[in-house]
């Protein structure tokens, strides 16, 4: 296999992992939101899951390309904690605003929630998005710092008998 094909396969594998992670995470957020809306008499499960899948595909590629987006890398010279916090906040706001715009254009319902309920849903949604993106960027940052593939190896394989960190 040529070097170019190997590089493409590695990128596709990375993209698939990110998309699957985002799809699972966004589906959980869609479930929570739909369960809240069902209490208001609005069944939004299908729309929520479709939106979660579409967003995971679109945002998976965006998340992969973050190393090329200057605004997201503005704090890369800071600690991993600060850099990931910043990236998670920026991506959460982008997704939240984009999702709000999409809901206004395509949603078939108008939630009849009180301002207090709407505020709680906004806070819950932004908190969920932040947690999803923080975990994603932290994992990507750790993988980069440890060396490509090392984080996955540490998480999925038992420590070797040669490890200097044995008890």
C-alpha atoms as a PDB file:
ATOM      1  CA  UNK A   1       0.000   0.000   0.000  1.00  0.00           C
ATOM      2  CA  UNK A   2       1.421   3.389  -0.908  1.00  0.00           C
ATOM      3  CA  UNK A   3       2.172   6.038   1.697  1.00  0.00           C
ATOM      4  CA  UNK A   4      -0.681   8.178   0.409  1.00  0.00           C
ATOM      5  CA  UNK A   5      -3.204   5.357   0.753  1.00  0.00           C
ATOM      6  CA  UNK A   6      -1.950   4.546   4.247  1.00  0.00           C
ATOM      7  CA  UNK A   7      -2.321   8.192   5.267  1.00  0.00           C
ATOM      8  CA  UNK A   8      -5.852   8.289   3.822  1.00  0.00           C
ATOM      9  CA  UNK A   9      -6.800   5.087   5.654  1.00  0.00           C
ATOM     10  CA  UNK A  10      -5.473   6.500   8.947  1.00  0.00           C
ATOM     11  CA  UNK A  11      -7.459   9.707   8.450  1.00  0.00           C
ATOM     12  CA  UNK A  12     -10.626   7.781   7.584  1.00  0.00           C
ATOM     13  CA  UNK A  13     -10.167   5.612  10.662  1.00  0.00           C
ATOM     14  CA  UNK A  14      -9.709   8.719  12.828  1.00  0.00           C
ATOM     15  CA  UNK A  15     -12.759  10.365  11.236  1.00  0.00           C
ATOM     16  CA  UNK A  16     -14.871   7.262  11.830  1.00  0.00           C
ATOM     17  CA  UNK A  17     -13.868   7.194  15.493  1.00  0.00           C
ATOM     18  CA  UNK A  18     -14.728  10.860  15.958  1.00  0.00           C
ATOM     19  CA  UNK A  19     -18.043  10.547  14.083  1.00  0.00           C
ATOM     20  CA  UNK A  20     -19.064   7.496  16.135  1.00  0.00           C
ATOM     21  CA  UNK A  21     -18.150   9.286  19.371  1.00  0.00           C
ATOM     22  CA  UNK A  22     -20.075  12.400  18.361  1.00  0.00           C
ATOM     23  CA  UNK A  23     -23.065  10.369  17.120  1.00  0.00           C
ATOM     24  CA  UNK A  24     -23.322   8.515  20.423  1.00  0.00           C
ATOM     25  CA  UNK A  25     -22.848  11.699  22.452  1.00  0.00           C
ATOM     26  CA  UNK A  26     -25.271  13.810  20.422  1.00  0.00           C
ATOM     27  CA  UNK A  27     -27.831  10.982  20.481  1.00  0.00           C
ATOM     28  CA  UNK A  28     -27.669  10.998  24.277  1.00  0.00           C
ATOM     29  CA  UNK A  29     -28.175  14.764  24.295  1.00  0.00           C
ATOM     30  CA  UNK A  30     -31.074  14.390  21.837  1.00  0.00           C
ATOM     31  CA  UNK A  31     -32.660  11.794  24.102  1.00  0.00           C
ATOM     32  CA  UNK A  32     -32.454  14.074  27.135  1.00  0.00           C
ATOM     33  CA  UNK A  33     -33.884  17.001  25.196  1.00  0.00           C
ATOM     34  CA  UNK A  34     -36.665  14.865  23.723  1.00  0.00           C
ATOM     35  CA  UNK A  35     -37.576  13.504  27.151  1.00  0.00           C
ATOM     36  CA  UNK A  36     -37.898  17.059  28.416  1.00  0.00           C
ATOM     37  CA  UNK A  37     -39.996  18.089  25.412  1.00  0.00           C
ATOM     38  CA  UNK A  38     -42.259  15.046  25.726  1.00  0.00           C
ATOM     39  CA  UNK A  39     -43.261  16.367  29.141  1.00  0.00           C
ATOM     40  CA  UNK A  40     -44.492  19.471  27.311  1.00  0.00           C
ATOM     41  CA  UNK A  41     -46.438  17.319  24.848  1.00  0.00           C
ATOM     42  CA  UNK A  42     -43.898  17.594  22.027  1.00  0.00           C
ATOM     43  CA  UNK A  43     -42.548  14.370  20.512  1.00  0.00           C
ATOM     44  CA  UNK A  44     -39.186  15.340  19.005  1.00  0.00           C
ATOM     45  CA  UNK A  45     -37.319  12.025  19.050  1.00  0.00           C
ATOM     46  CA  UNK A  46     -37.013  11.439  15.282  1.00  0.00           C
ATOM     47  CA  UNK A  47     -35.967  15.016  14.537  1.00  0.00           C
ATOM     48  CA  UNK A  48     -33.479  14.979  17.423  1.00  0.00           C
ATOM     49  CA  UNK A  49     -31.805  11.749  16.346  1.00  0.00           C
ATOM     50  CA  UNK A  50     -31.598  12.763  12.688  1.00  0.00           C
ATOM     51  CA  UNK A  51     -30.077  16.075  13.714  1.00  0.00           C
ATOM     52  CA  UNK A  52     -27.601  14.241  15.986  1.00  0.00           C
ATOM     53  CA  UNK A  53     -26.458  11.975  13.144  1.00  0.00           C
ATOM     54  CA  UNK A  54     -26.119  14.797  10.627  1.00  0.00           C
ATOM     55  CA  UNK A  55     -24.255  16.990  13.116  1.00  0.00           C
ATOM     56  CA  UNK A  56     -21.909  14.146  14.019  1.00  0.00           C
ATOM     57  CA  UNK A  57     -20.962  13.685  10.372  1.00  0.00           C
ATOM     58  CA  UNK A  58     -20.443  17.389   9.733  1.00  0.00           C
ATOM     59  CA  UNK A  59     -18.727  18.162  13.028  1.00  0.00           C
ATOM     60  CA  UNK A  60     -16.562  15.049  12.892  1.00  0.00           C
ATOM     61  CA  UNK A  61     -14.754  16.435   9.886  1.00  0.00           C
ATOM     62  CA  UNK A  62     -14.585  19.904  11.449  1.00  0.00           C
ATOM     63  CA  UNK A  63     -13.110  18.436  14.637  1.00  0.00           C
ATOM     64  CA  UNK A  64     -10.479  16.620  12.579  1.00  0.00           C
ATOM     65  CA  UNK A  65      -9.519  19.824  10.841  1.00  0.00           C
ATOM     66  CA  UNK A  66      -9.229  21.923  13.994  1.00  0.00           C
ATOM     67  CA  UNK A  67      -5.481  21.903  13.780  1.00  0.00           C
ATOM     68  CA  UNK A  68      -5.941  24.074  10.665  1.00  0.00           C
ATOM     69  CA  UNK A  69      -8.496  26.519  12.112  1.00  0.00           C
ATOM     70  CA  UNK A  70      -6.554  29.418  13.635  1.00  0.00           C
ATOM     71  CA  UNK A  71      -9.259  30.607  16.054  1.00  0.00           C
ATOM     72  CA  UNK A  72      -9.490  27.178  17.685  1.00  0.00           C
ATOM     73  CA  UNK A  73      -5.727  26.986  18.026  1.00  0.00           C
ATOM     74  CA  UNK A  74      -5.352  30.429  19.560  1.00  0.00           C
ATOM     75  CA  UNK A  75      -4.462  28.978  22.966  1.00  0.00           C
ATOM     76  CA  UNK A  76      -2.435  25.942  21.880  1.00  0.00           C
ATOM     77  CA  UNK A  77       0.651  27.466  23.473  1.00  0.00           C
ATOM     78  CA  UNK A  78      -1.096  27.209  26.871  1.00  0.00           C
ATOM     79  CA  UNK A  79      -1.606  24.058  28.919  1.00  0.00           C
ATOM     80  CA  UNK A  80      -3.683  21.221  27.493  1.00  0.00           C
ATOM     81  CA  UNK A  81      -6.358  21.971  30.101  1.00  0.00           C
ATOM     82  CA  UNK A  82      -6.728  25.606  28.987  1.00  0.00           C
ATOM     83  CA  UNK A  83      -6.449  24.824  25.277  1.00  0.00           C
ATOM     84  CA  UNK A  84      -9.147  22.120  25.476  1.00  0.00           C
ATOM     85  CA  UNK A  85     -11.435  24.328  27.581  1.00  0.00           C
ATOM     86  CA  UNK A  86     -11.184  27.084  24.991  1.00  0.00           C
ATOM     87  CA  UNK A  87     -11.791  24.738  22.047  1.00  0.00           C
ATOM     88  CA  UNK A  88     -14.742  23.114  23.805  1.00  0.00           C
ATOM     89  CA  UNK A  89     -16.355  26.484  24.577  1.00  0.00           C
ATOM     90  CA  UNK A  90     -15.908  27.737  20.998  1.00  0.00           C
ATOM     91  CA  UNK A  91     -17.243  24.531  19.410  1.00  0.00           C
ATOM     92  CA  UNK A  92     -20.142  24.353  21.886  1.00  0.00           C
ATOM     93  CA  UNK A  93     -21.226  27.890  21.064  1.00  0.00           C
ATOM     94  CA  UNK A  94     -20.910  27.285  17.313  1.00  0.00           C
ATOM     95  CA  UNK A  95     -22.957  24.080  17.488  1.00  0.00           C
ATOM     96  CA  UNK A  96     -25.516  25.626  19.839  1.00  0.00           C
ATOM     97  CA  UNK A  97     -26.039  28.672  17.616  1.00  0.00           C
ATOM     98  CA  UNK A  98     -26.145  26.535  14.476  1.00  0.00           C
ATOM     99  CA  UNK A  99     -28.600  24.176  16.113  1.00  0.00           C
ATOM    100  CA  UNK A 100     -30.792  27.080  17.214  1.00  0.00           C
ATOM    101  CA  UNK A 101     -30.830  28.438  13.665  1.00  0.00           C
ATOM    102  CA  UNK A 102     -31.657  24.994  12.281  1.00  0.00           C
ATOM    103  CA  UNK A 103     -34.504  24.611  14.776  1.00  0.00           C
ATOM    104  CA  UNK A 104     -36.006  27.956  13.754  1.00  0.00           C
ATOM    105  CA  UNK A 105     -35.834  27.024  10.075  1.00  0.00           C
ATOM    106  CA  UNK A 106     -36.735  23.329  10.072  1.00  0.00           C
ATOM    107  CA  UNK A 107     -38.391  22.361  13.355  1.00  0.00           C
ATOM    108  CA  UNK A 108     -42.043  21.421  13.029  1.00  0.00           C
ATOM    109  CA  UNK A 109     -42.959  22.491  16.512  1.00  0.00           C
ATOM    110  CA  UNK A 110     -42.865  25.559  18.610  1.00  0.00           C
ATOM    111  CA  UNK A 111     -42.088  24.691  22.188  1.00  0.00           C
ATOM    112  CA  UNK A 112     -44.520  26.254  24.597  1.00  0.00           C
ATOM    113  CA  UNK A 113     -42.056  26.315  27.430  1.00  0.00           C
ATOM    114  CA  UNK A 114     -41.824  29.002  30.045  1.00  0.00           C
ATOM    115  CA  UNK A 115     -38.754  31.255  29.953  1.00  0.00           C
ATOM    116  CA  UNK A 116     -37.431  29.405  33.018  1.00  0.00           C
ATOM    117  CA  UNK A 117     -37.829  26.031  31.257  1.00  0.00           C
ATOM    118  CA  UNK A 118     -36.180  27.364  28.108  1.00  0.00           C
ATOM    119  CA  UNK A 119     -33.264  28.752  30.127  1.00  0.00           C
ATOM    120  CA  UNK A 120     -32.803  25.392  31.863  1.00  0.00           C
ATOM    121  CA  UNK A 121     -32.829  23.610  28.483  1.00  0.00           C
ATOM    122  CA  UNK A 122     -30.252  26.055  27.098  1.00  0.00           C
ATOM    123  CA  UNK A 123     -27.987  25.547  30.117  1.00  0.00           C
ATOM    124  CA  UNK A 124     -28.373  21.764  29.961  1.00  0.00           C
ATOM    125  CA  UNK A 125     -27.737  21.673  26.217  1.00  0.00           C
ATOM    126  CA  UNK A 126     -24.674  23.922  26.376  1.00  0.00           C
ATOM    127  CA  UNK A 127     -23.303  21.934  29.326  1.00  0.00           C
ATOM    128  CA  UNK A 128     -23.771  18.684  27.435  1.00  0.00           C
ATOM    129  CA  UNK A 129     -22.127  20.056  24.299  1.00  0.00           C
ATOM    130  CA  UNK A 130     -19.245  21.397  26.359  1.00  0.00           C
ATOM    131  CA  UNK A 131     -18.688  18.009  28.026  1.00  0.00           C
ATOM    132  CA  UNK A 132     -18.770  16.224  24.653  1.00  0.00           C
ATOM    133  CA  UNK A 133     -16.288  18.578  23.026  1.00  0.00           C
ATOM    134  CA  UNK A 134     -14.019  18.842  26.041  1.00  0.00           C
ATOM    135  CA  UNK A 135     -13.639  15.060  26.175  1.00  0.00           C
ATOM    136  CA  UNK A 136     -13.001  14.968  22.412  1.00  0.00           C
ATOM    137  CA  UNK A 137     -10.361  17.702  22.427  1.00  0.00           C
ATOM    138  CA  UNK A 138      -8.721  16.355  25.570  1.00  0.00           C
ATOM    139  CA  UNK A 139      -8.425  12.892  24.026  1.00  0.00           C
ATOM    140  CA  UNK A 140      -7.025  14.366  20.797  1.00  0.00           C
ATOM    141  CA  UNK A 141      -4.559  16.523  22.748  1.00  0.00           C
ATOM    142  CA  UNK A 142      -3.407  13.611  24.878  1.00  0.00           C
ATOM    143  CA  UNK A 143      -3.017  11.406  21.816  1.00  0.00           C
ATOM    144  CA  UNK A 144      -0.913  14.090  20.136  1.00  0.00           C
ATOM    145  CA  UNK A 145       1.229  14.597  23.264  1.00  0.00           C
ATOM    146  CA  UNK A 146       1.753  10.878  23.874  1.00  0.00           C
ATOM    147  CA  UNK A 147       2.278  10.021  20.232  1.00  0.00           C
ATOM    148  CA  UNK A 148      -0.318   8.923  17.688  1.00  0.00           C
ATOM    149  CA  UNK A 149      -2.160   5.798  18.808  1.00  0.00           C
ATOM    150  CA  UNK A 150      -0.526   5.659  22.250  1.00  0.00           C
ATOM    151  CA  UNK A 151      -3.627   6.884  24.134  1.00  0.00           C
ATOM    152  CA  UNK A 152      -5.820   4.222  22.525  1.00  0.00           C
ATOM    153  CA  UNK A 153      -3.183   1.627  23.338  1.00  0.00           C
ATOM    154  CA  UNK A 154      -3.066   2.764  26.983  1.00  0.00           C
ATOM    155  CA  UNK A 155      -6.861   2.651  27.235  1.00  0.00           C
ATOM    156  CA  UNK A 156      -7.437  -0.685  25.510  1.00  0.00           C
ATOM    157  CA  UNK A 157      -4.471  -2.908  26.371  1.00  0.00           C
ATOM    158  CA  UNK A 158      -3.328  -4.154  29.765  1.00  0.00           C
ATOM    159  CA  UNK A 159      -0.027  -2.775  31.011  1.00  0.00           C
ATOM    160  CA  UNK A 160       2.923  -4.804  29.832  1.00  0.00           C
ATOM    161  CA  UNK A 161       5.148  -6.676  32.240  1.00  0.00           C
ATOM    162  CA  UNK A 162       7.959  -4.318  31.191  1.00  0.00           C
ATOM    163  CA  UNK A 163       6.116  -1.218  32.368  1.00  0.00           C
ATOM    164  CA  UNK A 164       8.135   0.871  34.859  1.00  0.00           C
ATOM    165  CA  UNK A 165       4.881   1.855  36.651  1.00  0.00           C
ATOM    166  CA  UNK A 166       4.017  -1.525  38.143  1.00  0.00           C
ATOM    167  CA  UNK A 167       3.020  -1.836  41.801  1.00  0.00           C
END
